Structure formats: structure tokens, C-alpha cells
Amino acid sequence: MRVALCGLGKLGWPVAMAWAEAGHDVVGYDISPMAKEIISSRKYPHREERAQEMLEKTTVRVVDSIAAAVALSD
């Protein structure tokens, strides 16, 4: 399933990565530029269990707008 998540903060990132790990095609959007920094650096700034491990191999993509996220989801 192609899913979009709007809001990649402390809760949104782990949810997005768990969905991707479960086999879904996940695209995310966040108003903060930190979301793109996290995906490009592959460094998770919070202390959520397994988050860093999932981030290192995630397929989550971050887009620039809600419209783009919606267009890439079911």
C-alpha cells in the first residue's frame, strides 16, 4: 500500500518507519526542514527504541508538500 504521513516529528518518524518496515511504500511530509535532515544524515535525534536501527535501512521518502504526499499515496 502507498501511504502518506503528514508530520514527521518524534511520533511520526517511528510510525512512518514501522509502516515501511512492514512493507508499505511510505512518503512523509513535515513543515520542518529537520525531516529532510534526518533522512539525509540517517541520524535519529530522539531516543525511541529501534528508531535509529530502522532509520539506517528505511525506504521512507520525504517530500516538499502535502499535495506531493497525497499524490504519491493511495
PDB file of N, CA and C in Angstrom:
ATOM      1  N   MET A   1       0.843  -1.169   0.000  1.00  0.00           N
ATOM      2  CA  MET A   1       0.000   0.000   0.000  1.00  0.00           C
ATOM      3  C   MET A   1       0.893   1.238   0.000  1.00  0.00           C
ATOM      4  N   ARG A   2       0.496   2.246  -0.730  1.00  0.00           N
ATOM      5  CA  ARG A   2       1.213   3.528  -0.748  1.00  0.00           C
ATOM      6  C   ARG A   2       0.540   4.454   0.263  1.00  0.00           C
ATOM      7  N   VAL A   3       1.295   4.848   1.290  1.00  0.00           N
ATOM      8  CA  VAL A   3       0.727   5.680   2.349  1.00  0.00           C
ATOM      9  C   VAL A   3       1.534   6.959   2.515  1.00  0.00           C
ATOM     10  N   ALA A   4       0.846   8.004   2.993  1.00  0.00           N
ATOM     11  CA  ALA A   4       1.486   9.282   3.282  1.00  0.00           C
ATOM     12  C   ALA A   4       1.266   9.619   4.747  1.00  0.00           C
ATOM     13  N   LEU A   5       2.269  10.207   5.339  1.00  0.00           N
ATOM     14  CA  LEU A   5       2.182  10.640   6.730  1.00  0.00           C
ATOM     15  C   LEU A   5       2.587  12.102   6.772  1.00  0.00           C
ATOM     16  N   CYS A   6       1.697  12.941   7.258  1.00  0.00           N
ATOM     17  CA  CYS A   6       1.985  14.362   7.404  1.00  0.00           C
ATOM     18  C   CYS A   6       2.311  14.618   8.869  1.00  0.00           C
ATOM     19  N   GLY A   7       3.559  14.934   9.120  1.00  0.00           N
ATOM     20  CA  GLY A   7       4.045  15.158  10.472  1.00  0.00           C
ATOM     21  C   GLY A   7       5.102  14.124  10.813  1.00  0.00           C
ATOM     22  N   LEU A   8       6.365  14.493  10.647  1.00  0.00           N
ATOM     23  CA  LEU A   8       7.467  13.571  10.913  1.00  0.00           C
ATOM     24  C   LEU A   8       8.265  14.051  12.122  1.00  0.00           C
ATOM     25  N   GLY A   9       7.582  14.153  13.231  1.00  0.00           N
ATOM     26  CA  GLY A   9       8.229  14.539  14.479  1.00  0.00           C
ATOM     27  C   GLY A   9       8.603  13.311  15.282  1.00  0.00           C
ATOM     28  N   LYS A  10       8.643  13.473  16.576  1.00  0.00           N
ATOM     29  CA  LYS A  10       9.062  12.394  17.482  1.00  0.00           C
ATOM     30  C   LYS A  10       8.174  11.161  17.368  1.00  0.00           C
ATOM     31  N   LEU A  11       6.909  11.334  17.070  1.00  0.00           N
ATOM     32  CA  LEU A  11       5.993  10.205  16.894  1.00  0.00           C
ATOM     33  C   LEU A  11       5.875   9.796  15.429  1.00  0.00           C
ATOM     34  N   GLY A  12       5.816  10.764  14.537  1.00  0.00           N
ATOM     35  CA  GLY A  12       5.599  10.475  13.121  1.00  0.00           C
ATOM     36  C   GLY A  12       6.697   9.655  12.471  1.00  0.00           C
ATOM     37  N   TRP A  13       7.956   9.967  12.777  1.00  0.00           N
ATOM     38  CA  TRP A  13       9.059   9.214  12.182  1.00  0.00           C
ATOM     39  C   TRP A  13       8.995   7.732  12.523  1.00  0.00           C
ATOM     40  N   PRO A  14       8.873   7.347  13.805  1.00  0.00           N
ATOM     41  CA  PRO A  14       8.800   5.913  14.104  1.00  0.00           C
ATOM     42  C   PRO A  14       7.609   5.218  13.442  1.00  0.00           C
ATOM     43  N   VAL A  15       6.479   5.904  13.373  1.00  0.00           N
ATOM     44  CA  VAL A  15       5.301   5.318  12.718  1.00  0.00           C
ATOM     45  C   VAL A  15       5.593   5.098  11.231  1.00  0.00           C
ATOM     46  N   ALA A  16       6.137   6.116  10.571  1.00  0.00           N
ATOM     47  CA  ALA A  16       6.453   6.005   9.146  1.00  0.00           C
ATOM     48  C   ALA A  16       7.443   4.868   8.890  1.00  0.00           C
ATOM     49  N   MET A  17       8.455   4.769   9.735  1.00  0.00           N
ATOM     50  CA  MET A  17       9.463   3.722   9.541  1.00  0.00           C
ATOM     51  C   MET A  17       8.899   2.339   9.822  1.00  0.00           C
ATOM     52  N   ALA A  18       8.004   2.226  10.794  1.00  0.00           N
ATOM     53  CA  ALA A  18       7.372   0.935  11.078  1.00  0.00           C
ATOM     54  C   ALA A  18       6.496   0.506   9.909  1.00  0.00           C
ATOM     55  N   TRP A  19       5.756   1.441   9.332  1.00  0.00           N
ATOM     56  CA  TRP A  19       4.938   1.121   8.164  1.00  0.00           C
ATOM     57  C   TRP A  19       5.824   0.656   7.008  1.00  0.00           C
ATOM     58  N   ALA A  20       6.945   1.350   6.782  1.00  0.00           N
ATOM     59  CA  ALA A  20       7.865   0.969   5.705  1.00  0.00           C
ATOM     60  C   ALA A  20       8.456  -0.411   5.977  1.00  0.00           C
ATOM     61  N   GLU A  21       8.820  -0.663   7.218  1.00  0.00           N
ATOM     62  CA  GLU A  21       9.382  -1.957   7.589  1.00  0.00           C
ATOM     63  C   GLU A  21       8.367  -3.089   7.372  1.00  0.00           C
ATOM     64  N   ALA A  22       7.080  -2.751   7.496  1.00  0.00           N
ATOM     65  CA  ALA A  22       6.020  -3.740   7.284  1.00  0.00           C
ATOM     66  C   ALA A  22       5.728  -3.966   5.793  1.00  0.00           C
ATOM     67  N   GLY A  23       6.436  -3.235   4.933  1.00  0.00           N
ATOM     68  CA  GLY A  23       6.298  -3.456   3.501  1.00  0.00           C
ATOM     69  C   GLY A  23       5.529  -2.413   2.728  1.00  0.00           C
ATOM     70  N   HIS A  24       5.097  -1.353   3.385  1.00  0.00           N
ATOM     71  CA  HIS A  24       4.346  -0.303   2.697  1.00  0.00           C
ATOM     72  C   HIS A  24       5.307   0.696   2.045  1.00  0.00           C
ATOM     73  N   ASP A  25       4.843   1.323   0.976  1.00  0.00           N
ATOM     74  CA  ASP A  25       5.580   2.390   0.303  1.00  0.00           C
ATOM     75  C   ASP A  25       5.177   3.679   1.018  1.00  0.00           C
ATOM     76  N   VAL A  26       6.084   4.264   1.796  1.00  0.00           N
ATOM     77  CA  VAL A  26       5.743   5.392   2.673  1.00  0.00           C
ATOM     78  C   VAL A  26       6.420   6.664   2.209  1.00  0.00           C
ATOM     79  N   VAL A  27       5.625   7.720   2.136  1.00  0.00           N
ATOM     80  CA  VAL A  27       6.128   9.055   1.846  1.00  0.00           C
ATOM     81  C   VAL A  27       5.682   9.953   3.000  1.00  0.00           C
ATOM     82  N   GLY A  28       6.568  10.854   3.407  1.00  0.00           N
ATOM     83  CA  GLY A  28       6.245  11.727   4.529  1.00  0.00           C
ATOM     84  C   GLY A  28       6.446  13.182   4.194  1.00  0.00           C
ATOM     85  N   TYR A  29       5.748  14.025   4.929  1.00  0.00           N
ATOM     86  CA  TYR A  29       5.882  15.473   4.793  1.00  0.00           C
ATOM     87  C   TYR A  29       5.911  16.086   6.190  1.00  0.00           C
ATOM     88  N   ASP A  30       6.734  17.087   6.358  1.00  0.00           N
ATOM     89  CA  ASP A  30       6.742  17.867   7.587  1.00  0.00           C
ATOM     90  C   ASP A  30       7.139  19.292   7.245  1.00  0.00           C
ATOM     91  N   ILE A  31       6.529  20.243   7.930  1.00  0.00           N
ATOM     92  CA  ILE A  31       6.824  21.649   7.693  1.00  0.00           C
ATOM     93  C   ILE A  31       8.258  21.991   8.081  1.00  0.00           C
ATOM     94  N   SER A  32       8.817  21.233   9.000  1.00  0.00           N
ATOM     95  CA  SER A  32      10.182  21.472   9.480  1.00  0.00           C
ATOM     96  C   SER A  32      11.211  20.876   8.524  1.00  0.00           C
ATOM     97  N   PRO A  33      12.273  21.615   8.239  1.00  0.00           N
ATOM     98  CA  PRO A  33      13.334  21.054   7.396  1.00  0.00           C
ATOM     99  C   PRO A  33      14.100  19.927   8.089  1.00  0.00           C
ATOM    100  N   MET A  34      13.874  19.753   9.386  1.00  0.00           N
ATOM    101  CA  MET A  34      14.565  18.697  10.126  1.00  0.00           C
ATOM    102  C   MET A  34      14.241  17.312   9.570  1.00  0.00           C
ATOM    103  N   ALA A  35      13.049  17.121   9.026  1.00  0.00           N
ATOM    104  CA  ALA A  35      12.667  15.817   8.477  1.00  0.00           C
ATOM    105  C   ALA A  35      13.626  15.404   7.366  1.00  0.00           C
ATOM    106  N   LYS A  36      13.959  16.319   6.473  1.00  0.00           N
ATOM    107  CA  LYS A  36      14.902  16.008   5.396  1.00  0.00           C
ATOM    108  C   LYS A  36      16.311  15.826   5.932  1.00  0.00           C
ATOM    109  N   GLU A  37      16.661  16.567   6.967  1.00  0.00           N
ATOM    110  CA  GLU A  37      17.987  16.420   7.571  1.00  0.00           C
ATOM    111  C   GLU A  37      18.133  15.025   8.192  1.00  0.00           C
ATOM    112  N   ILE A  38      17.078  14.548   8.831  1.00  0.00           N
ATOM    113  CA  ILE A  38      17.114  13.226   9.455  1.00  0.00           C
ATOM    114  C   ILE A  38      17.314  12.148   8.403  1.00  0.00           C
ATOM    115  N   ILE A  39      16.585  12.216   7.314  1.00  0.00           N
ATOM    116  CA  ILE A  39      16.697  11.185   6.284  1.00  0.00           C
ATOM    117  C   ILE A  39      18.044  11.265   5.565  1.00  0.00           C
ATOM    118  N   SER A  40      18.559  12.453   5.331  1.00  0.00           N
ATOM    119  CA  SER A  40      19.837  12.562   4.621  1.00  0.00           C
ATOM    120  C   SER A  40      21.026  12.189   5.509  1.00  0.00           C
ATOM    121  N   SER A  41      20.957  12.517   6.793  1.00  0.00           N
ATOM    122  CA  SER A  41      22.066  12.201   7.706  1.00  0.00           C
ATOM    123  C   SER A  41      21.972  10.782   8.270  1.00  0.00           C
ATOM    124  N   ARG A  42      20.753  10.211   8.226  1.00  0.00           N
ATOM    125  CA  ARG A  42      20.493   8.895   8.819  1.00  0.00           C
ATOM    126  C   ARG A  42      20.842   8.881  10.318  1.00  0.00           C
ATOM    127  N   LYS A  43      20.579  10.012  10.976  1.00  0.00           N
ATOM    128  CA  LYS A  43      20.791  10.129  12.424  1.00  0.00           C
ATOM    129  C   LYS A  43      19.482  10.551  13.069  1.00  0.00           C
ATOM    130  N   TYR A  44      18.931   9.686  13.931  1.00  0.00           N
ATOM    131  CA  TYR A  44      17.664   9.977  14.592  1.00  0.00           C
ATOM    132  C   TYR A  44      17.935  10.745  15.897  1.00  0.00           C
ATOM    133  N   PRO A  45      17.339  11.929  16.073  1.00  0.00           N
ATOM    134  CA  PRO A  45      17.680  12.787  17.211  1.00  0.00           C
ATOM    135  C   PRO A  45      16.980  12.452  18.530  1.00  0.00           C
ATOM    136  N   HIS A  46      16.054  11.526  18.524  1.00  0.00           N
ATOM    137  CA  HIS A  46      15.308  11.193  19.737  1.00  0.00           C
ATOM    138  C   HIS A  46      15.693   9.798  20.215  1.00  0.00           C
ATOM    139  N   ARG A  47      15.261   9.439  21.406  1.00  0.00           N
ATOM    140  CA  ARG A  47      15.654   8.160  21.998  1.00  0.00           C
ATOM    141  C   ARG A  47      14.515   7.143  21.955  1.00  0.00           C
ATOM    142  N   GLU A  48      13.931   6.947  20.807  1.00  0.00           N
ATOM    143  CA  GLU A  48      12.864   5.964  20.648  1.00  0.00           C
ATOM    144  C   GLU A  48      13.488   4.595  20.357  1.00  0.00           C
ATOM    145  N   GLU A  49      12.971   3.574  20.999  1.00  0.00           N
ATOM    146  CA  GLU A  49      13.511   2.227  20.833  1.00  0.00           C
ATOM    147  C   GLU A  49      13.462   1.786  19.369  1.00  0.00           C
ATOM    148  N   ARG A  50      14.555   1.284  18.853  1.00  0.00           N
ATOM    149  CA  ARG A  50      14.725   0.761  17.490  1.00  0.00           C
ATOM    150  C   ARG A  50      14.682   1.820  16.400  1.00  0.00           C
ATOM    151  N   ALA A  51      14.443   3.085  16.728  1.00  0.00           N
ATOM    152  CA  ALA A  51      14.302   4.116  15.694  1.00  0.00           C
ATOM    153  C   ALA A  51      15.578   4.279  14.870  1.00  0.00           C
ATOM    154  N   GLN A  52      16.724   4.345  15.526  1.00  0.00           N
ATOM    155  CA  GLN A  52      17.978   4.507  14.776  1.00  0.00           C
ATOM    156  C   GLN A  52      18.224   3.302  13.877  1.00  0.00           C
ATOM    157  N   GLU A  53      17.971   2.132  14.382  1.00  0.00           N
ATOM    158  CA  GLU A  53      18.133   0.902  13.598  1.00  0.00           C
ATOM    159  C   GLU A  53      17.229   0.927  12.357  1.00  0.00           C
ATOM    160  N   MET A  54      15.981   1.319  12.532  1.00  0.00           N
ATOM    161  CA  MET A  54      15.047   1.375  11.396  1.00  0.00           C
ATOM    162  C   MET A  54      15.452   2.465  10.421  1.00  0.00           C
ATOM    163  N   LEU A  55      15.911   3.613  10.929  1.00  0.00           N
ATOM    164  CA  LEU A  55      16.284   4.728  10.063  1.00  0.00           C
ATOM    165  C   LEU A  55      17.434   4.357   9.135  1.00  0.00           C
ATOM    166  N   GLU A  56      18.356   3.561   9.627  1.00  0.00           N
ATOM    167  CA  GLU A  56      19.515   3.186   8.823  1.00  0.00           C
ATOM    168  C   GLU A  56      19.142   2.389   7.578  1.00  0.00           C
ATOM    169  N   LYS A  57      17.989   1.720   7.596  1.00  0.00           N
ATOM    170  CA  LYS A  57      17.594   0.918   6.426  1.00  0.00           C
ATOM    171  C   LYS A  57      16.226   1.291   5.859  1.00  0.00           C
ATOM    172  N   THR A  58      15.664   2.405   6.305  1.00  0.00           N
ATOM    173  CA  THR A  58      14.307   2.762   5.884  1.00  0.00           C
ATOM    174  C   THR A  58      14.217   3.157   4.414  1.00  0.00           C
ATOM    175  N   THR A  59      13.044   2.969   3.863  1.00  0.00           N
ATOM    176  CA  THR A  59      12.756   3.385   2.490  1.00  0.00           C
ATOM    177  C   THR A  59      11.813   4.582   2.466  1.00  0.00           C
ATOM    178  N   VAL A  60      11.538   5.175   3.628  1.00  0.00           N
ATOM    179  CA  VAL A  60      10.654   6.346   3.710  1.00  0.00           C
ATOM    180  C   VAL A  60      11.251   7.479   2.884  1.00  0.00           C
ATOM    181  N   ARG A  61      10.392   8.122   2.099  1.00  0.00           N
ATOM    182  CA  ARG A  61      10.809   9.286   1.317  1.00  0.00           C
ATOM    183  C   ARG A  61      10.148  10.524   1.909  1.00  0.00           C
ATOM    184  N   VAL A  62      10.852  11.650   1.898  1.00  0.00           N
ATOM    185  CA  VAL A  62      10.317  12.915   2.403  1.00  0.00           C
ATOM    186  C   VAL A  62      10.105  13.833   1.210  1.00  0.00           C
ATOM    187  N   VAL A  63       8.902  14.414   1.132  1.00  0.00           N
ATOM    188  CA  VAL A  63       8.566  15.306   0.024  1.00  0.00           C
ATOM    189  C   VAL A  63       8.356  16.729   0.535  1.00  0.00           C
ATOM    190  N   ASP A  64       8.238  17.673  -0.409  1.00  0.00           N
ATOM    191  CA  ASP A  64       8.197  19.099  -0.084  1.00  0.00           C
ATOM    192  C   ASP A  64       6.822  19.681   0.195  1.00  0.00           C
ATOM    193  N   SER A  65       5.764  18.919  -0.042  1.00  0.00           N
ATOM    194  CA  SER A  65       4.426  19.493   0.169  1.00  0.00           C
ATOM    195  C   SER A  65       3.406  18.402   0.506  1.00  0.00           C
ATOM    196  N   ILE A  66       2.325  18.846   1.116  1.00  0.00           N
ATOM    197  CA  ILE A  66       1.232  17.917   1.404  1.00  0.00           C
ATOM    198  C   ILE A  66       0.648  17.395   0.099  1.00  0.00           C
ATOM    199  N   ALA A  67       0.539  18.267  -0.886  1.00  0.00           N
ATOM    200  CA  ALA A  67      -0.007  17.855  -2.184  1.00  0.00           C
ATOM    201  C   ALA A  67       0.832  16.735  -2.804  1.00  0.00           C
ATOM    202  N   ALA A  68       2.141  16.830  -2.688  1.00  0.00           N
ATOM    203  CA  ALA A  68       3.015  15.777  -3.227  1.00  0.00           C
ATOM    204  C   ALA A  68       2.822  14.480  -2.452  1.00  0.00           C
ATOM    205  N   ALA A  69       2.686  14.572  -1.146  1.00  0.00           N
ATOM    206  CA  ALA A  69       2.468  13.384  -0.317  1.00  0.00           C
ATOM    207  C   ALA A  69       1.162  12.697  -0.702  1.00  0.00           C
ATOM    208  N   VAL A  70       0.115  13.469  -0.875  1.00  0.00           N
ATOM    209  CA  VAL A  70      -1.187  12.928  -1.245  1.00  0.00           C
ATOM    210  C   VAL A  70      -1.124  12.282  -2.640  1.00  0.00           C
ATOM    211  N   ALA A  71      -0.443  12.942  -3.560  1.00  0.00           N
ATOM    212  CA  ALA A  71      -0.345  12.425  -4.935  1.00  0.00           C
ATOM    213  C   ALA A  71       0.387  11.090  -4.992  1.00  0.00           C
ATOM    214  N   LEU A  72       1.279  10.856  -4.044  1.00  0.00           N
ATOM    215  CA  LEU A  72       2.066   9.620  -4.041  1.00  0.00           C
ATOM    216  C   LEU A  72       1.481   8.530  -3.155  1.00  0.00           C
ATOM    217  N   SER A  73       0.262   8.738  -2.667  1.00  0.00           N
ATOM    218  CA  SER A  73      -0.354   7.751  -1.773  1.00  0.00           C
ATOM    219  C   SER A  73      -1.679   7.249  -2.325  1.00  0.00           C
ATOM    220  N   ASP A  74      -2.114   6.121  -1.760  1.00  0.00           N
ATOM    221  CA  ASP A  74      -3.422   5.588  -2.146  1.00  0.00           C
ATOM    222  C   ASP A  74      -4.483   6.320  -1.376  1.00  0.00           C
TER     223      ASP A  74
END
